Amino acid sequence: MKPLIRSANLGLFVAFAALMIATRFHHFGTAIHLPDASMAVFFLGGLYLRKHWQFASFLGLAVAIDWVAIEHAGVSDFCVTPAYSFLLPAYASLWYGGRLYASRLQAGWMPMLGAAAAGLVAASLSFGISNGAFYWLGGRYAEPNFAEYAARVWQWGPLFVRTTMTYIVVALLLHALAAWTLRARSGQPAAGA
């Protein structure tokens, strides 16, 4: 996919930032709050926006939201440990995974499935980095061991990856729908696989 024009890039940047702001306070979601979209925002940002300064901006926004949540909204600081710095490589794996796939993204179903697969790999890697760093380096577990770590990965990994993939798949479906609508309006044949 070609890079977005400046106005589309900026509009999507603002939309992704708004999504992160609206959801980052609630990692798992509730009946009235959507679950945290941050991981998906980083992957989709890499896929569509691609600019390094935008990655840095989203990283700064994530840290700022966490600070506000802890200092002013009563959210627990349990996850803020020395391992918090590993969010940089965790989010970078999402951003640059999306960026790596971006040139292959087209309106056809196969490229969309490829983007979803890239998102799955990036989300799994990101979770592995952040969860592994928190468990092994965070200082929250007196005697860390592999059996307990594996149980925690099995407990939390599917939830985080599934949430991320839900946002990614919805975004890709919206992309496909928009591309199909634009093609239909212009009279061009639909993109195939």
Foldseek 3Di string as FASTA:
>chain_A
DDADPPVVLVVVLVVLLVLQLQAVLAQQADPPGAHHQLLLSLLVCLQHNVDPVSLVVSVVSSVVSVCCCVPPVVDDPLLDAPLVVLLVVLSVLRNVLNNVLNVQADLAPVSLVVSLVSLLVSQLVSCCRSLVSCQPPRPPDPDDDDVVSVVVCVVCVVSSSVSNSVVSNVVSVVVNVVQQVVCVVVVHDRDYD
